[in-house]
PDB file of N, CA and C in Angstrom:
ATOM      1  N   MET A   1      80.234 -71.896  24.596  1.00  0.00           N
ATOM      2  CA  MET A   1      79.188 -72.560  24.710  1.00  0.00           C
ATOM      3  C   MET A   1      79.446 -73.747  23.977  1.00  0.00           C
ATOM      4  N   SER A   2      79.151 -75.018  24.416  1.00  0.00           N
ATOM      5  CA  SER A   2      79.060 -76.388  23.492  1.00  0.00           C
ATOM      6  C   SER A   2      77.686 -76.703  22.964  1.00  0.00           C
ATOM      7  N   ILE A   3      77.888 -77.370  21.828  1.00  0.00           N
ATOM      8  CA  ILE A   3      76.605 -77.969  21.264  1.00  0.00           C
ATOM      9  C   ILE A   3      76.169 -79.191  21.881  1.00  0.00           C
ATOM     10  N   ILE A   4      74.887 -79.271  22.343  1.00  0.00           N
ATOM     11  CA  ILE A   4      74.496 -80.412  22.872  1.00  0.00           C
ATOM     12  C   ILE A   4      73.533 -81.094  22.069  1.00  0.00           C
ATOM     13  N   GLN A   5      73.563 -82.586  21.841  1.00  0.00           N
ATOM     14  CA  GLN A   5      72.830 -83.279  21.164  1.00  0.00           C
ATOM     15  C   GLN A   5      72.559 -84.837  21.834  1.00  0.00           C
ATOM     16  N   TYR A   6      71.531 -85.440  21.442  1.00  0.00           N
ATOM     17  CA  TYR A   6      71.201 -86.704  21.918  1.00  0.00           C
ATOM     18  C   TYR A   6      70.592 -87.468  20.832  1.00  0.00           C
ATOM     19  N   ALA A   7      70.773 -88.752  21.115  1.00  0.00           N
ATOM     20  CA  ALA A   7      70.150 -89.691  20.089  1.00  0.00           C
ATOM     21  C   ALA A   7      69.494 -90.911  21.056  1.00  0.00           C
ATOM     22  N   VAL A   8      68.293 -91.342  20.496  1.00  0.00           N
ATOM     23  CA  VAL A   8      67.558 -92.037  21.397  1.00  0.00           C
ATOM     24  C   VAL A   8      67.661 -93.730  20.641  1.00  0.00           C
ATOM     25  N   ASN A   9      67.849 -94.662  21.501  1.00  0.00           N
ATOM     26  CA  ASN A   9      67.832 -95.994  21.209  1.00  0.00           C
ATOM     27  C   ASN A   9      68.875 -96.403  19.937  1.00  0.00           C
ATOM     28  N   GLY A  10      69.953 -95.654  20.073  1.00  0.00           N
ATOM     29  CA  GLY A  10      71.008 -96.237  19.050  1.00  0.00           C
ATOM     30  C   GLY A  10      71.064 -95.382  17.666  1.00  0.00           C
ATOM     31  N   ALA A  11      70.321 -94.285  17.616  1.00  0.00           N
ATOM     32  CA  ALA A  11      69.951 -93.876  16.311  1.00  0.00           C
ATOM     33  C   ALA A  11      71.337 -93.105  15.761  1.00  0.00           C
ATOM     34  N   GLY A  12      72.213 -92.894  16.707  1.00  0.00           N
ATOM     35  CA  GLY A  12      73.596 -92.201  16.287  1.00  0.00           C
ATOM     36  C   GLY A  12      73.601 -90.567  16.092  1.00  0.00           C
ATOM     37  N   ILE A  13      74.558 -89.936  16.093  1.00  0.00           N
ATOM     38  CA  ILE A  13      74.731 -88.614  15.892  1.00  0.00           C
ATOM     39  C   ILE A  13      73.987 -88.095  14.692  1.00  0.00           C
ATOM     40  N   LYS A  14      73.962 -88.968  13.564  1.00  0.00           N
ATOM     41  CA  LYS A  14      73.195 -88.306  12.292  1.00  0.00           C
ATOM     42  C   LYS A  14      71.824 -88.065  12.419  1.00  0.00           C
ATOM     43  N   SER A  15      71.502 -88.854  13.532  1.00  0.00           N
ATOM     44  CA  SER A  15      70.035 -88.511  13.517  1.00  0.00           C
ATOM     45  C   SER A  15      69.612 -87.610  15.109  1.00  0.00           C
ATOM     46  N   ALA A  16      70.642 -87.224  15.763  1.00  0.00           N
ATOM     47  CA  ALA A  16      70.608 -86.757  16.763  1.00  0.00           C
ATOM     48  C   ALA A  16      69.739 -85.342  16.960  1.00  0.00           C
ATOM     49  N   ASP A  17      69.092 -85.016  18.042  1.00  0.00           N
ATOM     50  CA  ASP A  17      68.147 -83.710  18.133  1.00  0.00           C
ATOM     51  C   ASP A  17      69.256 -82.795  19.104  1.00  0.00           C
ATOM     52  N   TYR A  18      68.975 -81.547  19.049  1.00  0.00           N
ATOM     53  CA  TYR A  18      69.667 -80.589  19.681  1.00  0.00           C
ATOM     54  C   TYR A  18      68.950 -79.949  21.031  1.00  0.00           C
ATOM     55  N   LEU A  19      69.680 -79.793  21.938  1.00  0.00           N
ATOM     56  CA  LEU A  19      69.340 -79.096  23.375  1.00  0.00           C
ATOM     57  C   LEU A  19      69.925 -77.604  23.068  1.00  0.00           C
ATOM     58  N   ASP A  20      69.507 -76.693  23.980  1.00  0.00           N
ATOM     59  CA  ASP A  20      70.099 -75.352  24.206  1.00  0.00           C
ATOM     60  C   ASP A  20      71.607 -75.637  24.450  1.00  0.00           C
ATOM     61  N   PRO A  21      72.494 -74.862  23.792  1.00  0.00           N
ATOM     62  CA  PRO A  21      73.853 -74.988  24.202  1.00  0.00           C
ATOM     63  C   PRO A  21      74.175 -74.453  25.544  1.00  0.00           C
ATOM     64  N   ARG A  22      75.287 -75.256  26.119  1.00  0.00           N
ATOM     65  CA  ARG A  22      75.516 -75.047  27.457  1.00  0.00           C
ATOM     66  C   ARG A  22      76.958 -75.013  27.700  1.00  0.00           C
ATOM     67  N   GLU A  23      77.524 -74.527  28.709  1.00  0.00           N
ATOM     68  CA  GLU A  23      78.776 -74.431  29.162  1.00  0.00           C
ATOM     69  C   GLU A  23      79.189 -75.835  29.727  1.00  0.00           C
ATOM     70  N   VAL A  24      80.112 -76.450  29.016  1.00  0.00           N
ATOM     71  CA  VAL A  24      80.732 -77.715  29.211  1.00  0.00           C
ATOM     72  C   VAL A  24      82.208 -77.707  29.295  1.00  0.00           C
ATOM     73  N   ASP A  25      82.749 -78.405  30.224  1.00  0.00           N
ATOM     74  CA  ASP A  25      84.129 -78.339  29.952  1.00  0.00           C
ATOM     75  C   ASP A  25      84.787 -79.562  30.949  1.00  0.00           C
ATOM     76  N   GLU A  26      85.990 -79.798  31.210  1.00  0.00           N
ATOM     77  CA  GLU A  26      86.532 -80.881  32.051  1.00  0.00           C
ATOM     78  C   GLU A  26      86.084 -81.076  33.350  1.00  0.00           C
ATOM     79  N   SER A  27      85.591 -79.799  33.939  1.00  0.00           N
ATOM     80  CA  SER A  27      85.074 -79.583  35.345  1.00  0.00           C
ATOM     81  C   SER A  27      83.599 -80.169  35.374  1.00  0.00           C
ATOM     82  N   THR A  28      82.794 -80.447  34.424  1.00  0.00           N
ATOM     83  CA  THR A  28      81.631 -80.871  34.481  1.00  0.00           C
ATOM     84  C   THR A  28      81.325 -82.178  35.053  1.00  0.00           C
ATOM     85  N   ASP A  29      80.468 -82.190  35.998  1.00  0.00           N
ATOM     86  CA  ASP A  29      80.223 -83.302  36.836  1.00  0.00           C
ATOM     87  C   ASP A  29      79.259 -84.418  36.241  1.00  0.00           C
ATOM     88  N   ASP A  30      79.278 -85.555  36.699  1.00  0.00           N
ATOM     89  CA  ASP A  30      78.509 -86.382  36.170  1.00  0.00           C
ATOM     90  C   ASP A  30      76.997 -86.168  36.073  1.00  0.00           C
ATOM     91  N   TRP A  31      76.487 -85.613  37.569  1.00  0.00           N
ATOM     92  CA  TRP A  31      75.073 -85.104  37.694  1.00  0.00           C
ATOM     93  C   TRP A  31      74.643 -83.946  36.874  1.00  0.00           C
ATOM     94  N   GLU A  32      75.668 -83.411  35.953  1.00  0.00           N
ATOM     95  CA  GLU A  32      75.315 -82.391  35.075  1.00  0.00           C
ATOM     96  C   GLU A  32      75.009 -83.052  33.901  1.00  0.00           C
ATOM     97  N   TYR A  33      75.736 -84.108  33.364  1.00  0.00           N
ATOM     98  CA  TYR A  33      75.448 -84.743  32.351  1.00  0.00           C
ATOM     99  C   TYR A  33      74.121 -85.445  32.316  1.00  0.00           C
ATOM    100  N   GLU A  34      73.769 -85.913  33.725  1.00  0.00           N
ATOM    101  CA  GLU A  34      72.450 -86.724  33.815  1.00  0.00           C
ATOM    102  C   GLU A  34      71.430 -85.784  33.822  1.00  0.00           C
ATOM    103  N   GLN A  35      71.631 -84.561  34.355  1.00  0.00           N
ATOM    104  CA  GLN A  35      70.595 -83.428  34.034  1.00  0.00           C
ATOM    105  C   GLN A  35      70.337 -83.097  32.587  1.00  0.00           C
ATOM    106  N   MET A  36      71.376 -83.042  31.942  1.00  0.00           N
ATOM    107  CA  MET A  36      71.219 -83.031  30.272  1.00  0.00           C
ATOM    108  C   MET A  36      70.368 -84.083  29.894  1.00  0.00           C
ATOM    109  N   VAL A  37      70.657 -85.223  30.107  1.00  0.00           N
ATOM    110  CA  VAL A  37      70.011 -86.296  29.545  1.00  0.00           C
ATOM    111  C   VAL A  37      68.442 -86.223  30.094  1.00  0.00           C
ATOM    112  N   GLN A  38      68.132 -86.003  31.094  1.00  0.00           N
ATOM    113  CA  GLN A  38      66.669 -85.712  31.681  1.00  0.00           C
ATOM    114  C   GLN A  38      66.002 -84.741  30.722  1.00  0.00           C
ATOM    115  N   ASP A  39      66.736 -83.586  30.523  1.00  0.00           N
ATOM    116  CA  ASP A  39      66.372 -82.565  29.706  1.00  0.00           C
ATOM    117  C   ASP A  39      66.019 -83.086  28.321  1.00  0.00           C
ATOM    118  N   ALA A  40      66.935 -83.961  27.871  1.00  0.00           N
ATOM    119  CA  ALA A  40      66.943 -84.487  26.463  1.00  0.00           C
ATOM    120  C   ALA A  40      65.462 -85.491  26.576  1.00  0.00           C
ATOM    121  N   ALA A  41      65.198 -86.225  27.593  1.00  0.00           N
ATOM    122  CA  ALA A  41      64.014 -86.975  27.538  1.00  0.00           C
ATOM    123  C   ALA A  41      62.705 -86.322  27.548  1.00  0.00           C
ATOM    124  N   GLU A  42      62.846 -85.085  28.227  1.00  0.00           N
ATOM    125  CA  GLU A  42      61.634 -84.202  28.106  1.00  0.00           C
ATOM    126  C   GLU A  42      61.400 -83.720  26.793  1.00  0.00           C
ATOM    127  N   ASP A  43      62.475 -83.268  26.186  1.00  0.00           N
ATOM    128  CA  ASP A  43      62.343 -82.488  24.846  1.00  0.00           C
ATOM    129  C   ASP A  43      62.072 -83.761  23.857  1.00  0.00           C
ATOM    130  N   TYR A  44      62.431 -85.069  24.060  1.00  0.00           N
ATOM    131  CA  TYR A  44      61.945 -86.039  23.224  1.00  0.00           C
ATOM    132  C   TYR A  44      60.270 -86.435  23.144  1.00  0.00           C
ATOM    133  N   TRP A  45      59.976 -86.468  24.508  1.00  0.00           N
ATOM    134  CA  TRP A  45      58.694 -86.595  25.027  1.00  0.00           C
ATOM    135  C   TRP A  45      57.709 -85.525  24.451  1.00  0.00           C
ATOM    136  N   GLU A  46      58.073 -84.399  24.593  1.00  0.00           N
ATOM    137  CA  GLU A  46      57.156 -83.087  24.166  1.00  0.00           C
ATOM    138  C   GLU A  46      57.151 -82.759  22.859  1.00  0.00           C
ATOM    139  N   ASN A  47      58.375 -83.073  22.036  1.00  0.00           N
ATOM    140  CA  ASN A  47      58.436 -82.278  20.693  1.00  0.00           C
ATOM    141  C   ASN A  47      59.005 -83.517  19.603  1.00  0.00           C
ATOM    142  N   HIS A  48      59.057 -84.847  20.106  1.00  0.00           N
ATOM    143  CA  HIS A  48      59.416 -85.788  19.010  1.00  0.00           C
ATOM    144  C   HIS A  48      58.804 -87.222  19.157  1.00  0.00           C
ATOM    145  N   ASP A  49      57.400 -86.953  19.710  1.00  0.00           N
ATOM    146  CA  ASP A  49      56.661 -88.132  19.851  1.00  0.00           C
ATOM    147  C   ASP A  49      56.947 -89.106  21.033  1.00  0.00           C
ATOM    148  N   GLY A  50      57.572 -88.814  21.710  1.00  0.00           N
ATOM    149  CA  GLY A  50      58.548 -89.833  22.768  1.00  0.00           C
ATOM    150  C   GLY A  50      57.403 -90.377  23.474  1.00  0.00           C
ATOM    151  N   TRP A  51      56.298 -89.772  23.649  1.00  0.00           N
ATOM    152  CA  TRP A  51      55.069 -90.366  24.443  1.00  0.00           C
ATOM    153  C   TRP A  51      54.490 -91.685  23.581  1.00  0.00           C
ATOM    154  N   GLU A  52      54.953 -91.752  22.326  1.00  0.00           N
ATOM    155  CA  GLU A  52      54.429 -93.070  21.595  1.00  0.00           C
ATOM    156  C   GLU A  52      55.293 -94.125  21.782  1.00  0.00           C
ATOM    157  N   ASP A  53      56.514 -93.925  22.549  1.00  0.00           N
ATOM    158  CA  ASP A  53      57.825 -94.971  22.615  1.00  0.00           C
ATOM    159  C   ASP A  53      57.689 -95.707  23.742  1.00  0.00           C
ATOM    160  N   HIS A  54      58.303 -96.922  23.998  1.00  0.00           N
ATOM    161  CA  HIS A  54      58.283 -97.648  25.198  1.00  0.00           C
ATOM    162  C   HIS A  54      59.516 -97.443  26.008  1.00  0.00           C
ATOM    163  N   TRP A  55      59.042 -97.129  27.177  1.00  0.00           N
ATOM    164  CA  TRP A  55      60.199 -96.512  28.169  1.00  0.00           C
ATOM    165  C   TRP A  55      60.344 -97.600  29.140  1.00  0.00           C
ATOM    166  N   PRO A  56      61.494 -97.844  29.662  1.00  0.00           N
ATOM    167  CA  PRO A  56      62.834 -96.962  29.663  1.00  0.00           C
ATOM    168  C   PRO A  56      63.472 -96.885  28.147  1.00  0.00           C
ATOM    169  N   LEU A  57      64.196 -95.775  28.122  1.00  0.00           N
ATOM    170  CA  LEU A  57      64.863 -95.493  26.915  1.00  0.00           C
ATOM    171  C   LEU A  57      66.407 -95.420  27.027  1.00  0.00           C
ATOM    172  N   ASN A  58      67.294 -95.670  25.991  1.00  0.00           N
ATOM    173  CA  ASN A  58      68.607 -95.476  26.176  1.00  0.00           C
ATOM    174  C   ASN A  58      68.813 -94.237  25.149  1.00  0.00           C
ATOM    175  N   ILE A  59      69.305 -93.324  25.926  1.00  0.00           N
ATOM    176  CA  ILE A  59      69.617 -92.060  25.373  1.00  0.00           C
ATOM    177  C   ILE A  59      71.402 -91.938  25.416  1.00  0.00           C
ATOM    178  N   GLU A  60      71.870 -91.455  24.238  1.00  0.00           N
ATOM    179  CA  GLU A  60      73.248 -91.182  24.003  1.00  0.00           C
ATOM    180  C   GLU A  60      73.289 -89.654  23.843  1.00  0.00           C
ATOM    181  N   LEU A  61      74.383 -89.069  24.884  1.00  0.00           N
ATOM    182  CA  LEU A  61      74.600 -87.543  24.945  1.00  0.00           C
ATOM    183  C   LEU A  61      75.920 -87.416  24.282  1.00  0.00           C
ATOM    184  N   PHE A  62      75.571 -86.142  23.013  1.00  0.00           N
ATOM    185  CA  PHE A  62      76.927 -85.724  22.702  1.00  0.00           C
ATOM    186  C   PHE A  62      77.290 -84.348  22.977  1.00  0.00           C
ATOM    187  N   VAL A  63      78.452 -83.838  23.092  1.00  0.00           N
ATOM    188  CA  VAL A  63      78.696 -82.396  23.478  1.00  0.00           C
ATOM    189  C   VAL A  63      80.045 -82.382  22.407  1.00  0.00           C
ATOM    190  N   ASP A  64      79.493 -81.403  21.620  1.00  0.00           N
ATOM    191  CA  ASP A  64      80.537 -80.833  20.384  1.00  0.00           C
ATOM    192  C   ASP A  64      80.864 -82.216  19.446  1.00  0.00           C
ATOM    193  N   GLY A  65      79.880 -82.786  19.246  1.00  0.00           N
ATOM    194  CA  GLY A  65      80.127 -83.946  18.385  1.00  0.00           C
ATOM    195  C   GLY A  65      80.482 -85.335  18.919  1.00  0.00           C
ATOM    196  N   LYS A  66      80.975 -85.126  20.145  1.00  0.00           N
ATOM    197  CA  LYS A  66      81.645 -86.419  20.814  1.00  0.00           C
ATOM    198  C   LYS A  66      80.860 -87.017  21.902  1.00  0.00           C
ATOM    199  N   SER A  67      80.665 -88.357  21.876  1.00  0.00           N
ATOM    200  CA  SER A  67      79.617 -89.091  22.818  1.00  0.00           C
ATOM    201  C   SER A  67      80.249 -88.904  24.226  1.00  0.00           C
ATOM    202  N   VAL A  68      79.252 -88.588  25.068  1.00  0.00           N
ATOM    203  CA  VAL A  68      79.703 -88.544  26.454  1.00  0.00           C
ATOM    204  C   VAL A  68      79.425 -89.599  27.224  1.00  0.00           C
ATOM    205  N   GLY A  69      78.310 -90.491  26.664  1.00  0.00           N
ATOM    206  CA  GLY A  69      78.082 -91.727  27.141  1.00  0.00           C
ATOM    207  C   GLY A  69      76.673 -92.182  26.971  1.00  0.00           C
ATOM    208  N   LEU A  70      76.234 -93.313  27.293  1.00  0.00           N
ATOM    209  CA  LEU A  70      74.863 -93.815  26.997  1.00  0.00           C
ATOM    210  C   LEU A  70      74.085 -93.894  28.375  1.00  0.00           C
ATOM    211  N   PHE A  71      72.993 -93.399  28.359  1.00  0.00           N
ATOM    212  CA  PHE A  71      72.104 -93.294  29.690  1.00  0.00           C
ATOM    213  C   PHE A  71      70.777 -94.191  29.616  1.00  0.00           C
ATOM    214  N   GLU A  72      70.313 -94.936  30.643  1.00  0.00           N
ATOM    215  CA  GLU A  72      69.097 -95.253  30.556  1.00  0.00           C
ATOM    216  C   GLU A  72      68.118 -94.262  31.378  1.00  0.00           C
ATOM    217  N   VAL A  73      66.968 -94.042  30.638  1.00  0.00           N
ATOM    218  CA  VAL A  73      66.042 -93.029  31.267  1.00  0.00           C
ATOM    219  C   VAL A  73      64.889 -93.594  31.573  1.00  0.00           C
ATOM    220  N   VAL A  74      64.442 -93.709  32.693  1.00  0.00           N
ATOM    221  CA  VAL A  74      63.220 -94.521  33.235  1.00  0.00           C
ATOM    222  C   VAL A  74      62.115 -93.171  33.286  1.00  0.00           C
ATOM    223  N   MET A  75      60.940 -93.154  32.846  1.00  0.00           N
ATOM    224  CA  MET A  75      59.920 -92.266  32.847  1.00  0.00           C
ATOM    225  C   MET A  75      59.100 -92.550  34.189  1.00  0.00           C
ATOM    226  N   GLU A  76      58.907 -91.600  35.065  1.00  0.00           N
ATOM    227  CA  GLU A  76      58.226 -91.709  36.235  1.00  0.00           C
ATOM    228  C   GLU A  76      56.691 -91.288  35.840  1.00  0.00           C
ATOM    229  N   MET A  77      55.590 -91.772  36.197  1.00  0.00           N
ATOM    230  CA  MET A  77      54.635 -91.253  36.027  1.00  0.00           C
ATOM    231  C   MET A  77      53.897 -90.590  37.068  1.00  0.00           C
ATOM    232  N   GLU A  78      53.289 -89.542  37.234  1.00  0.00           N
ATOM    233  CA  GLU A  78      52.480 -89.050  38.510  1.00  0.00           C
ATOM    234  C   GLU A  78      51.085 -88.839  38.360  1.00  0.00           C
ATOM    235  N   PRO A  79      50.217 -89.839  38.699  1.00  0.00           N
ATOM    236  CA  PRO A  79      49.185 -89.988  38.522  1.00  0.00           C
ATOM    237  C   PRO A  79      48.243 -88.394  38.894  1.00  0.00           C
ATOM    238  N   THR A  80      47.134 -88.286  38.181  1.00  0.00           N
ATOM    239  CA  THR A  80      46.541 -86.996  38.483  1.00  0.00           C
ATOM    240  C   THR A  80      45.119 -87.443  38.387  1.00  0.00           C
ATOM    241  N   PHE A  81      44.385 -86.814  39.128  1.00  0.00           N
ATOM    242  CA  PHE A  81      42.800 -87.372  39.273  1.00  0.00           C
ATOM    243  C   PHE A  81      41.963 -86.289  39.406  1.00  0.00           C
ATOM    244  N   SER A  82      40.835 -86.543  38.711  1.00  0.00           N
ATOM    245  CA  SER A  82      39.577 -85.341  38.846  1.00  0.00           C
ATOM    246  C   SER A  82      38.293 -85.848  39.011  1.00  0.00           C
ATOM    247  N   ALA A  83      37.395 -85.407  39.593  1.00  0.00           N
ATOM    248  CA  ALA A  83      36.255 -85.735  39.898  1.00  0.00           C
ATOM    249  C   ALA A  83      35.041 -84.856  39.622  1.00  0.00           C
ATOM    250  N   SER A  84      33.859 -85.139  39.606  1.00  0.00           N
ATOM    251  CA  SER A  84      32.652 -84.320  39.024  1.00  0.00           C
ATOM    252  C   SER A  84      31.541 -85.076  39.794  1.00  0.00           C
ATOM    253  N   LYS A  85      30.818 -84.389  40.369  1.00  0.00           N
ATOM    254  CA  LYS A  85      29.531 -84.942  40.985  1.00  0.00           C
ATOM    255  C   LYS A  85      28.308 -85.614  39.909  1.00  0.00           C
ATOM    256  N   GLN A  86      28.040 -86.580  40.103  1.00  0.00           N
ATOM    257  CA  GLN A  86      27.204 -87.127  39.150  1.00  0.00           C
ATOM    258  C   GLN A  86      25.803 -86.652  39.502  1.00  0.00           C
ATOM    259  N   GLU A  87      24.909 -86.816  38.764  1.00  0.00           N
ATOM    260  CA  GLU A  87      23.257 -86.411  38.930  1.00  0.00           C
ATOM    261  C   GLU A  87      22.936 -87.839  39.199  1.00  0.00           C
ATOM    262  N   ARG A  88      22.014 -87.939  40.339  1.00  0.00           N
ATOM    263  CA  ARG A  88      21.295 -89.317  40.599  1.00  0.00           C
ATOM    264  C   ARG A  88      20.033 -89.296  39.637  1.00  0.00           C
ATOM    265  N   ALA A  89      19.811 -90.817  39.257  1.00  0.00           N
ATOM    266  CA  ALA A  89      18.720 -90.989  38.293  1.00  0.00           C
ATOM    267  C   ALA A  89      17.662 -90.912  39.396  1.00  0.00           C
ATOM    268  N   ALA A  90      16.324 -90.552  38.524  1.00  0.00           N
ATOM    269  CA  ALA A  90      15.237 -90.354  39.637  1.00  0.00           C
ATOM    270  C   ALA A  90      14.413 -91.686  39.557  1.00  0.00           C
TER     271      ALA A  90
END
């Protein structure tokens, strides 16, 4: 299992946060790295005040301490609506 880390907006590996370890080797495809970065963005949003940041963000992905690359992450919002019946004034 490989150690997976990510850093946001040029913070570097010394400030990197961790994801769950994964199996990574020379046969790992680009889409798998992109999925890891999407997981990193979700972790950043939920656990590291990412909701306060201005998106899109640049996230650098590290596997076993070596940079895999820099990825631009765009946050897509899905609106949610709720309604409640209002009482009419007499």
